[in-house]
């Protein structure tokens, strides 16, 4: 599990501490469509050793992985450490509360999903927040 603390100083050190140890990541907005970036991110993370849990409002399965309609539907026993937000900012409301409720420690807002109000709520709940960076690109750059 990821330690719940913010690393100050070198931002790459903080990112490395989060993404270079495969863990459980729930991907909000992971698409069943092959051409969507959220699908590519999820499949990349799975190949890198992460346990990937797709979150999609109507898909029951994505790439052979059981999908959940929303974060709150994921059992706490899944031990989600990272919630990766791959939806438009206006659709990312309440992600902080839901992430905290399932025991996540990190909320990662992909480029285009940045939501300052939700990011502040996540910080207030004690979650580590990464925003405006791609988890896949950072993993490739820092961990490969």
N, C-alpha and C. Protein backbone atom coordinates (compact mmCIF):
# COMPACT_ATOMS: atom_id res chain seq x y z
N UNK A 1 0.83 -1.18 0.00
CA UNK A 1 0.00 0.00 0.00
C UNK A 1 0.87 1.25 0.00
N UNK A 2 0.35 2.29 -0.54
CA UNK A 2 1.06 3.56 -0.62
C UNK A 2 0.97 4.29 0.71
N UNK A 3 2.10 4.80 1.16
CA UNK A 3 2.09 5.59 2.38
C UNK A 3 1.31 6.87 2.16
N UNK A 4 0.53 7.28 3.13
CA UNK A 4 -0.28 8.49 3.00
C UNK A 4 0.52 9.68 3.49
N UNK A 5 1.30 10.27 2.58
CA UNK A 5 2.04 11.47 2.91
C UNK A 5 2.40 12.18 1.62
N UNK A 6 2.57 13.46 1.73
CA UNK A 6 2.99 14.25 0.58
C UNK A 6 4.49 14.41 0.68
N UNK A 7 5.17 14.25 -0.45
CA UNK A 7 6.60 14.45 -0.49
C UNK A 7 6.85 15.84 -1.03
N UNK A 8 7.59 16.65 -0.28
CA UNK A 8 7.86 18.01 -0.71
C UNK A 8 9.23 18.04 -1.36
N UNK A 9 9.46 19.04 -2.16
CA UNK A 9 10.73 19.13 -2.87
C UNK A 9 10.54 18.67 -4.30
N UNK A 10 11.31 17.68 -4.72
CA UNK A 10 11.28 17.19 -6.09
C UNK A 10 9.94 16.50 -6.39
N UNK A 11 9.12 17.08 -7.29
CA UNK A 11 7.82 16.44 -7.59
C UNK A 11 7.99 15.05 -8.20
N UNK A 12 9.09 14.82 -8.94
CA UNK A 12 9.29 13.49 -9.51
C UNK A 12 9.48 12.44 -8.41
N UNK A 13 10.04 12.84 -7.29
CA UNK A 13 10.22 11.90 -6.18
C UNK A 13 8.85 11.47 -5.64
N UNK A 14 7.92 12.43 -5.54
CA UNK A 14 6.57 12.10 -5.08
C UNK A 14 5.89 11.17 -6.07
N UNK A 15 5.98 11.50 -7.35
CA UNK A 15 5.34 10.68 -8.38
C UNK A 15 5.94 9.28 -8.38
N UNK A 16 7.25 9.20 -8.31
CA UNK A 16 7.94 7.91 -8.30
C UNK A 16 7.46 7.05 -7.13
N UNK A 17 7.29 7.64 -5.97
CA UNK A 17 6.82 6.90 -4.79
C UNK A 17 5.42 6.34 -4.98
N UNK A 18 4.65 6.99 -5.83
CA UNK A 18 3.27 6.55 -6.07
C UNK A 18 3.18 5.53 -7.19
N UNK A 19 3.87 5.76 -8.31
CA UNK A 19 3.64 4.92 -9.49
C UNK A 19 4.66 3.82 -9.74
N UNK A 20 5.76 3.81 -9.03
CA UNK A 20 6.78 2.79 -9.31
C UNK A 20 6.62 1.52 -8.49
N UNK A 21 5.57 1.45 -7.71
CA UNK A 21 5.25 0.23 -6.99
C UNK A 21 3.84 -0.19 -7.39
N UNK A 22 3.73 -1.23 -8.23
CA UNK A 22 2.39 -1.64 -8.66
C UNK A 22 1.46 -1.88 -7.48
N UNK A 23 0.26 -1.38 -7.63
CA UNK A 23 -0.74 -1.45 -6.57
C UNK A 23 -2.11 -1.56 -7.24
N UNK A 24 -3.16 -1.21 -6.52
CA UNK A 24 -4.52 -1.28 -7.06
C UNK A 24 -4.96 0.12 -7.47
N UNK A 25 -5.38 0.24 -8.71
CA UNK A 25 -5.82 1.53 -9.23
C UNK A 25 -7.23 1.38 -9.82
N UNK A 26 -8.13 2.26 -9.39
CA UNK A 26 -9.47 2.32 -9.98
C UNK A 26 -9.45 3.45 -11.00
N UNK A 27 -9.86 3.15 -12.21
CA UNK A 27 -9.82 4.15 -13.28
C UNK A 27 -11.24 4.62 -13.58
N UNK A 28 -11.55 5.83 -13.11
CA UNK A 28 -12.88 6.41 -13.31
C UNK A 28 -12.97 6.89 -14.75
N UNK A 29 -13.89 6.29 -15.49
CA UNK A 29 -14.07 6.66 -16.89
C UNK A 29 -13.30 5.76 -17.85
N UNK A 30 -12.78 4.63 -17.37
CA UNK A 30 -12.09 3.71 -18.29
C UNK A 30 -13.11 3.25 -19.33
N UNK A 31 -12.75 3.42 -20.57
CA UNK A 31 -13.68 3.17 -21.67
C UNK A 31 -13.60 1.75 -22.20
N UNK A 32 -14.74 1.20 -22.61
CA UNK A 32 -14.71 -0.09 -23.30
C UNK A 32 -14.21 0.05 -24.75
N UNK A 33 -14.14 1.29 -25.24
CA UNK A 33 -13.71 1.52 -26.63
C UNK A 33 -12.18 1.50 -26.72
N UNK A 34 -11.67 0.69 -27.63
CA UNK A 34 -10.23 0.49 -27.78
C UNK A 34 -9.46 1.78 -28.04
N UNK A 35 -10.04 2.71 -28.76
CA UNK A 35 -9.31 3.91 -29.18
C UNK A 35 -9.25 5.01 -28.12
N UNK A 36 -9.90 4.83 -27.00
CA UNK A 36 -9.94 5.88 -25.97
C UNK A 36 -8.69 5.86 -25.10
N UNK A 37 -8.15 7.03 -24.77
CA UNK A 37 -6.96 7.10 -23.93
C UNK A 37 -7.12 6.40 -22.58
N UNK A 38 -8.30 6.50 -21.98
CA UNK A 38 -8.50 5.87 -20.67
C UNK A 38 -8.32 4.36 -20.74
N UNK A 39 -8.71 3.77 -21.86
CA UNK A 39 -8.53 2.32 -22.06
C UNK A 39 -7.04 2.00 -22.17
N UNK A 40 -6.31 2.81 -22.95
CA UNK A 40 -4.87 2.60 -23.12
C UNK A 40 -4.15 2.72 -21.78
N UNK A 41 -4.54 3.70 -20.98
CA UNK A 41 -3.92 3.88 -19.66
C UNK A 41 -4.16 2.65 -18.80
N UNK A 42 -5.39 2.18 -18.74
CA UNK A 42 -5.72 1.01 -17.94
C UNK A 42 -4.96 -0.23 -18.38
N UNK A 43 -4.88 -0.45 -19.67
CA UNK A 43 -4.20 -1.64 -20.16
C UNK A 43 -2.69 -1.53 -19.94
N UNK A 44 -2.14 -0.35 -20.09
CA UNK A 44 -0.72 -0.15 -19.82
C UNK A 44 -0.42 -0.46 -18.34
N UNK A 45 -1.23 0.09 -17.44
CA UNK A 45 -1.00 -0.14 -16.01
C UNK A 45 -1.13 -1.63 -15.67
N UNK A 46 -2.09 -2.31 -16.28
CA UNK A 46 -2.25 -3.75 -16.04
C UNK A 46 -1.00 -4.50 -16.49
N UNK A 47 -0.48 -4.15 -17.66
CA UNK A 47 0.75 -4.80 -18.14
C UNK A 47 1.94 -4.49 -17.24
N UNK A 48 1.91 -3.34 -16.57
CA UNK A 48 3.01 -2.94 -15.68
C UNK A 48 2.87 -3.58 -14.30
N UNK A 49 1.85 -4.38 -14.08
CA UNK A 49 1.70 -5.10 -12.82
C UNK A 49 0.67 -4.56 -11.86
N UNK A 50 -0.01 -3.47 -12.24
CA UNK A 50 -1.06 -2.92 -11.39
C UNK A 50 -2.31 -3.78 -11.49
N UNK A 51 -3.08 -3.82 -10.42
CA UNK A 51 -4.42 -4.39 -10.48
C UNK A 51 -5.33 -3.24 -10.88
N UNK A 52 -6.00 -3.37 -12.01
CA UNK A 52 -6.82 -2.30 -12.56
C UNK A 52 -8.30 -2.62 -12.35
N UNK A 53 -9.01 -1.64 -11.81
CA UNK A 53 -10.46 -1.77 -11.61
C UNK A 53 -11.13 -0.67 -12.42
N UNK A 54 -11.78 -1.03 -13.54
CA UNK A 54 -12.48 -0.03 -14.34
C UNK A 54 -13.74 0.48 -13.63
N UNK A 55 -13.98 1.79 -13.76
CA UNK A 55 -15.21 2.40 -13.24
C UNK A 55 -15.89 3.06 -14.43
N UNK A 56 -17.05 2.52 -14.78
CA UNK A 56 -17.79 3.00 -15.95
C UNK A 56 -19.28 2.84 -15.65
N UNK A 57 -20.09 3.84 -15.96
CA UNK A 57 -21.50 3.80 -15.54
C UNK A 57 -22.34 2.67 -16.13
N UNK A 58 -21.96 2.14 -17.30
CA UNK A 58 -22.81 1.10 -17.88
C UNK A 58 -22.08 -0.19 -18.25
N UNK A 59 -20.78 -0.15 -18.42
CA UNK A 59 -20.05 -1.37 -18.78
C UNK A 59 -19.94 -2.29 -17.57
N UNK A 60 -20.17 -3.57 -17.80
CA UNK A 60 -20.01 -4.55 -16.72
C UNK A 60 -18.62 -5.16 -16.72
N UNK A 61 -17.97 -5.08 -17.89
CA UNK A 61 -16.64 -5.61 -18.05
C UNK A 61 -15.91 -4.79 -19.10
N UNK A 62 -14.62 -4.54 -18.86
CA UNK A 62 -13.79 -3.84 -19.84
C UNK A 62 -12.48 -4.60 -19.93
N UNK A 63 -12.17 -5.05 -21.13
CA UNK A 63 -10.94 -5.80 -21.39
C UNK A 63 -10.82 -7.01 -20.45
N UNK A 64 -11.93 -7.65 -20.19
CA UNK A 64 -11.93 -8.82 -19.33
C UNK A 64 -11.88 -8.52 -17.84
N UNK A 65 -11.90 -7.24 -17.48
CA UNK A 65 -11.86 -6.84 -16.08
C UNK A 65 -13.25 -6.45 -15.61
N UNK A 66 -13.62 -6.88 -14.43
CA UNK A 66 -14.93 -6.48 -13.89
C UNK A 66 -14.96 -4.98 -13.69
N UNK A 67 -16.01 -4.35 -14.21
CA UNK A 67 -16.18 -2.90 -14.08
C UNK A 67 -17.26 -2.62 -13.04
N UNK A 68 -17.12 -1.47 -12.39
CA UNK A 68 -18.09 -1.02 -11.40
C UNK A 68 -18.73 0.27 -11.89
N UNK A 69 -20.01 0.50 -11.59
CA UNK A 69 -20.69 1.70 -12.10
C UNK A 69 -20.22 3.00 -11.47
N UNK A 70 -19.67 2.92 -10.25
CA UNK A 70 -19.16 4.11 -9.55
C UNK A 70 -18.20 3.63 -8.47
N UNK A 71 -17.41 4.55 -7.96
CA UNK A 71 -16.40 4.18 -6.96
C UNK A 71 -17.00 3.52 -5.73
N UNK A 72 -18.12 4.02 -5.27
CA UNK A 72 -18.72 3.49 -4.04
C UNK A 72 -19.14 2.03 -4.18
N UNK A 73 -19.26 1.53 -5.41
CA UNK A 73 -19.64 0.13 -5.62
C UNK A 73 -18.45 -0.82 -5.46
N UNK A 74 -17.24 -0.29 -5.44
CA UNK A 74 -16.06 -1.13 -5.29
C UNK A 74 -15.93 -1.53 -3.82
N UNK A 75 -15.82 -2.81 -3.54
CA UNK A 75 -15.70 -3.23 -2.14
C UNK A 75 -14.38 -2.73 -1.51
N UNK A 76 -14.44 -2.33 -0.27
CA UNK A 76 -13.22 -1.88 0.43
C UNK A 76 -12.15 -2.97 0.42
N UNK A 77 -12.57 -4.22 0.37
CA UNK A 77 -11.62 -5.34 0.35
C UNK A 77 -10.75 -5.33 -0.90
N UNK A 78 -11.12 -4.55 -1.89
CA UNK A 78 -10.30 -4.45 -3.11
C UNK A 78 -9.01 -3.69 -2.84
N UNK A 79 -8.98 -2.92 -1.76
CA UNK A 79 -7.80 -2.16 -1.34
C UNK A 79 -7.29 -1.21 -2.43
N UNK A 80 -8.18 -0.39 -2.95
CA UNK A 80 -7.80 0.60 -3.95
C UNK A 80 -6.87 1.62 -3.29
N UNK A 81 -5.71 1.83 -3.90
CA UNK A 81 -4.77 2.83 -3.41
C UNK A 81 -4.87 4.12 -4.22
N UNK A 82 -5.03 3.99 -5.54
CA UNK A 82 -5.06 5.15 -6.42
C UNK A 82 -6.39 5.19 -7.16
N UNK A 83 -7.01 6.36 -7.18
CA UNK A 83 -8.17 6.60 -8.04
C UNK A 83 -7.68 7.51 -9.14
N UNK A 84 -7.68 7.00 -10.37
CA UNK A 84 -7.23 7.76 -11.54
C UNK A 84 -8.46 8.29 -12.26
N UNK A 85 -8.59 9.60 -12.32
CA UNK A 85 -9.79 10.24 -12.87
C UNK A 85 -9.54 10.57 -14.34
N UNK A 86 -10.30 9.91 -15.21
CA UNK A 86 -10.16 10.07 -16.67
C UNK A 86 -11.46 10.58 -17.29
N UNK A 87 -12.18 11.41 -16.57
CA UNK A 87 -13.41 12.00 -17.10
C UNK A 87 -13.26 13.51 -17.09
N UNK A 88 -14.10 14.18 -17.85
CA UNK A 88 -14.06 15.64 -17.88
C UNK A 88 -14.29 16.20 -16.48
N UNK A 89 -13.67 17.33 -16.21
CA UNK A 89 -13.71 17.95 -14.87
C UNK A 89 -15.14 18.08 -14.34
N UNK A 90 -16.06 18.46 -15.18
CA UNK A 90 -17.45 18.65 -14.71
C UNK A 90 -18.11 17.34 -14.31
N UNK A 91 -17.52 16.19 -14.71
CA UNK A 91 -18.07 14.89 -14.32
C UNK A 91 -17.29 14.27 -13.16
N UNK A 92 -16.32 15.02 -12.63
CA UNK A 92 -15.48 14.49 -11.56
C UNK A 92 -15.96 14.89 -10.18
N UNK A 93 -17.15 15.45 -10.08
CA UNK A 93 -17.68 15.84 -8.78
C UNK A 93 -17.87 14.65 -7.86
N UNK A 94 -17.64 14.84 -6.60
CA UNK A 94 -17.80 13.82 -5.56
C UNK A 94 -16.78 12.68 -5.62
N UNK A 95 -15.76 12.81 -6.48
CA UNK A 95 -14.76 11.76 -6.56
C UNK A 95 -13.94 11.70 -5.28
N UNK A 96 -13.69 12.83 -4.64
CA UNK A 96 -12.89 12.85 -3.41
C UNK A 96 -13.57 12.05 -2.31
N UNK A 97 -14.83 12.34 -2.07
CA UNK A 97 -15.57 11.63 -1.01
C UNK A 97 -15.64 10.13 -1.30
N UNK A 98 -15.91 9.80 -2.56
CA UNK A 98 -16.01 8.39 -2.93
C UNK A 98 -14.67 7.69 -2.79
N UNK A 99 -13.59 8.36 -3.20
CA UNK A 99 -12.25 7.77 -3.07
C UNK A 99 -11.93 7.52 -1.61
N UNK A 100 -12.21 8.49 -0.77
CA UNK A 100 -11.95 8.32 0.66
C UNK A 100 -12.78 7.19 1.25
N UNK A 101 -14.03 7.07 0.79
CA UNK A 101 -14.92 6.05 1.35
C UNK A 101 -14.48 4.63 1.02
N UNK A 102 -13.71 4.45 -0.06
CA UNK A 102 -13.24 3.09 -0.38
C UNK A 102 -11.80 2.87 0.09
N UNK A 103 -11.26 3.86 0.80
CA UNK A 103 -9.94 3.69 1.39
C UNK A 103 -8.77 4.07 0.50
N UNK A 104 -9.03 4.75 -0.61
CA UNK A 104 -7.94 5.17 -1.49
C UNK A 104 -7.07 6.20 -0.78
N UNK A 105 -5.83 6.29 -1.20
CA UNK A 105 -4.91 7.25 -0.59
C UNK A 105 -4.50 8.35 -1.55
N UNK A 106 -4.68 8.10 -2.86
CA UNK A 106 -4.26 9.04 -3.89
C UNK A 106 -5.41 9.24 -4.87
N UNK A 107 -5.64 10.50 -5.25
CA UNK A 107 -6.57 10.80 -6.35
C UNK A 107 -5.73 11.50 -7.42
N UNK A 108 -5.73 10.92 -8.60
CA UNK A 108 -4.91 11.40 -9.72
C UNK A 108 -5.85 11.94 -10.79
N UNK A 109 -5.76 13.24 -11.04
CA UNK A 109 -6.59 13.88 -12.06
C UNK A 109 -5.77 13.98 -13.35
N UNK A 110 -6.14 13.19 -14.34
CA UNK A 110 -5.46 13.20 -15.64
C UNK A 110 -5.62 14.57 -16.30
N UNK A 111 -4.77 14.91 -17.27
CA UNK A 111 -4.98 16.16 -18.01
C UNK A 111 -6.40 16.21 -18.60
N UNK A 112 -7.07 17.31 -18.38
CA UNK A 112 -8.46 17.47 -18.82
C UNK A 112 -9.47 17.12 -17.74
N UNK A 113 -9.02 16.44 -16.70
CA UNK A 113 -9.92 16.07 -15.60
C UNK A 113 -9.71 16.95 -14.38
N UNK A 114 -8.80 17.90 -14.48
CA UNK A 114 -8.50 18.77 -13.35
C UNK A 114 -9.75 19.46 -12.84
N UNK A 115 -9.92 19.44 -11.53
CA UNK A 115 -11.11 20.00 -10.90
C UNK A 115 -10.67 20.59 -9.56
N UNK A 116 -10.29 21.89 -9.54
CA UNK A 116 -9.73 22.49 -8.32
C UNK A 116 -10.58 22.29 -7.07
N UNK A 117 -11.88 22.41 -7.19
CA UNK A 117 -12.74 22.24 -6.00
C UNK A 117 -12.65 20.81 -5.48
N UNK A 118 -12.70 19.85 -6.37
CA UNK A 118 -12.64 18.45 -5.96
C UNK A 118 -11.24 18.09 -5.44
N UNK A 119 -10.22 18.70 -6.03
CA UNK A 119 -8.85 18.47 -5.57
C UNK A 119 -8.70 18.98 -4.13
N UNK A 120 -9.26 20.15 -3.86
CA UNK A 120 -9.18 20.71 -2.51
C UNK A 120 -9.95 19.83 -1.51
N UNK A 121 -11.11 19.32 -1.92
CA UNK A 121 -11.86 18.41 -1.05
C UNK A 121 -11.04 17.16 -0.74
N UNK A 122 -10.36 16.63 -1.76
CA UNK A 122 -9.54 15.43 -1.56
C UNK A 122 -8.41 15.71 -0.56
N UNK A 123 -7.76 16.85 -0.70
CA UNK A 123 -6.69 17.21 0.24
C UNK A 123 -7.25 17.35 1.66
N UNK A 124 -8.43 17.97 1.77
CA UNK A 124 -9.06 18.15 3.09
C UNK A 124 -9.39 16.80 3.74
N UNK A 125 -9.61 15.79 2.92
CA UNK A 125 -9.90 14.45 3.42
C UNK A 125 -8.62 13.66 3.68
N UNK A 126 -7.47 14.29 3.48
CA UNK A 126 -6.20 13.64 3.76
C UNK A 126 -5.62 12.83 2.62
N UNK A 127 -6.20 12.99 1.42
CA UNK A 127 -5.71 12.25 0.26
C UNK A 127 -4.59 13.01 -0.43
N UNK A 128 -3.66 12.28 -1.01
CA UNK A 128 -2.64 12.88 -1.85
C UNK A 128 -3.29 13.17 -3.20
N UNK A 129 -3.02 14.33 -3.76
CA UNK A 129 -3.62 14.73 -5.03
C UNK A 129 -2.51 14.99 -6.05
N UNK A 130 -2.66 14.37 -7.22
CA UNK A 130 -1.81 14.64 -8.37
C UNK A 130 -2.76 15.14 -9.45
N UNK A 131 -2.39 16.23 -10.11
CA UNK A 131 -3.31 16.82 -11.08
C UNK A 131 -2.58 17.32 -12.31
N UNK A 132 -3.21 17.10 -13.47
CA UNK A 132 -2.68 17.62 -14.73
C UNK A 132 -1.51 16.83 -15.28
N UNK A 133 -1.30 15.64 -14.77
CA UNK A 133 -0.22 14.78 -15.24
C UNK A 133 -0.82 13.44 -15.64
N UNK A 134 -0.19 12.77 -16.59
CA UNK A 134 -0.67 11.46 -17.04
C UNK A 134 0.06 10.37 -16.27
N UNK A 135 -0.68 9.52 -15.60
CA UNK A 135 -0.10 8.45 -14.81
C UNK A 135 0.72 7.49 -15.69
N UNK A 136 0.25 7.23 -16.90
CA UNK A 136 0.97 6.33 -17.79
C UNK A 136 2.29 6.96 -18.24
N UNK A 137 2.25 8.21 -18.63
CA UNK A 137 3.48 8.90 -19.07
C UNK A 137 4.48 8.99 -17.93
N UNK A 138 4.00 9.31 -16.73
CA UNK A 138 4.91 9.39 -15.59
C UNK A 138 5.50 8.03 -15.25
N UNK A 139 4.71 6.97 -15.32
CA UNK A 139 5.23 5.63 -15.06
C UNK A 139 6.31 5.28 -16.08
N UNK A 140 6.03 5.51 -17.35
CA UNK A 140 7.03 5.22 -18.39
C UNK A 140 8.33 5.99 -18.15
N UNK A 141 8.20 7.25 -17.80
CA UNK A 141 9.36 8.12 -17.65
C UNK A 141 10.16 7.80 -16.40
N UNK A 142 9.49 7.49 -15.30
CA UNK A 142 10.17 7.36 -14.03
C UNK A 142 10.44 5.93 -13.57
N UNK A 143 9.72 4.97 -14.13
CA UNK A 143 9.80 3.61 -13.58
C UNK A 143 10.29 2.56 -14.57
N UNK A 144 10.26 2.86 -15.82
CA UNK A 144 10.60 1.83 -16.83
C UNK A 144 12.09 1.67 -17.01
